[in-house]
Amino acid sequence: MKYISTRGAAPALSFEEAMLTGLALDGGLYVPAHIPKLTKDEILSLQGLRYQDIAFRIIKPFVDDAFDDDSLIDIIEKAYADFSHVSCAPLVELEANHFLLELFHGPTLAFKDFAMQLIGQLFQVALNRRKQKVTIIGATSGDTGSAAIEAFRGLDAVNVFILFPDGRVSDVQRRQMTTAKESNVHAIAVDGTFDDCQSRVKDMFNDHEFRNEVQLAGINSINWARVLAQIVYYFSSAVSLGAPLRKVSFTVPTGNFGDIFAGYIAKEMGLPIERLVVATNQNDILHRCLSGKGYHTTQVAASISPSMDIQISSNFERALFYAYGLDTTEIVKLMEQLKQNDGFEITNDALIALSEHYSSGMATEVETFDTIKTILTRSAQLLCPHTAIGVKVADELRNNKVPMVTLATAHPAKFPAAVKNASEVNPELPNIMSDLFDRPERILKVDNDVVQLKNLIRDRI
């Protein structure tokens, strides 16, 4: 299995090379040269299996011979050993034919754990085998950073630097990043937005001299291994609801498009997904784009769902790559227009191609609050703000004859102020985090300046 760049000018890489590289040298994102297909019988055979066993069957075709079967099984078992629910990703019925997929039973209480715990184990095996040390740099709107620090802290072969927008993540999210004691992990508060953090990460990757100097690797959702890990729970949940003998739809609260793009890959692999519904908050560039209004950035508005406060959705480039028929020339043009003009128009043919798979909707702050309150009263489920956005959009767009699965992307305790304001219920942190606000913080504050960031990273490694 080889991996190719969405922009066409970088060399094709193996799975291990693409994972350790992250962003392609031409600035593009890696995708598999072909998408493995599962037969109906192969999907049926997943029914009743443990999450870990499903993960092995889905992941194996993508890694090819990078990891032998025994090594991959061991990696997967270790990745999900600390999840607090035996099912890892349990389904909860919200109402008739509408289900929550609880993705918050990992060590940092968010869906990012599914990918980050796996990628941490993959990195450790690959780097030990290569006798190599790397510097991981990532940007976070809240959850990726804490999941990355949890996955990589204490590993000798890795230094981790996580950039987050100062004052634009919840107190819980911040403390999950800044209270780690291990000297190889660093939480950096950047004076700017998530998009600024993400742009500085890309700047560093595109500086090939610096990239080679510090042996840069990326763990944002630009890294294909992140997307790969998230494909698994589309299969595990769909087969629980009767796939492949019946269709299933998914609604995904998303800002960076990685989580829902994993659903697209699952569909291309053969999973009978009827619709993939994009749910956004007031930073609704994805909804506007999928509604035919072009992809045009505006100023990011801070919200009660900070993990979705994004205007430049990196993984949307992968979706565009397929919508434009794998035409790398067109993708380069679009990304250059985004860089120069803060946006671009999408051709009618590409928009039609996107609409074959994706629908979209958005929720205002008021609607998000109302949904949290309503669902608690109606279904006795306490939702985080991001999940509430998904539920609101799913209720509006779902076909009652087809099971709808809304991804519950974070535990409500990660956003206690917003949840309490909406529901009058103060969500308690699980016992493993009960002392989070008693732990000392270790935090670095920097300007939105790539030179300052590079110097900091050089000093710390």
Foldseek 3Di string as FASTA:
>chain_A
DWKAFLQGPADIHALLVLQQLLAGLVRGFIDDPDFAADDQVRLLVCPPDALLVLLLVLCDVRNPVVDDSVLLSVLSCQLCVQFPDRNCFDWDDLDQLEIATLLQRHPLFFVLSLLQSSSLSVVLVVCVVVVAAAEEEEEALFPNQLSNCVSNAPRPRYAYEYEYAPPQFFPSSQLSRFQDDGLRYAYEHEPDHSQLSHVLVSVCSNPVVLCVVRVYGYDPLSRVSSLSSLLSVVSVVLVVVPPPVAEAEEEEADAQCSNLVSVVSNVVNPTRHQAYEYEAEPQPQVQCQLVQNFQAGDDFDRALPSRNSHRHRNCVLVLLCVLVVNPSVVSVVQVVCCVPPVTDGDDPSSSVSSVSHYHYDYYYRVQLLQQQQVSCVSRVDHAASSQSRRVVVCVVDPDSVHRYYYYRGGDNQSRQVSSCVSHVDRDADPPVCNCSVVRDTHYHYDYSDSVVVSVVVVVSD
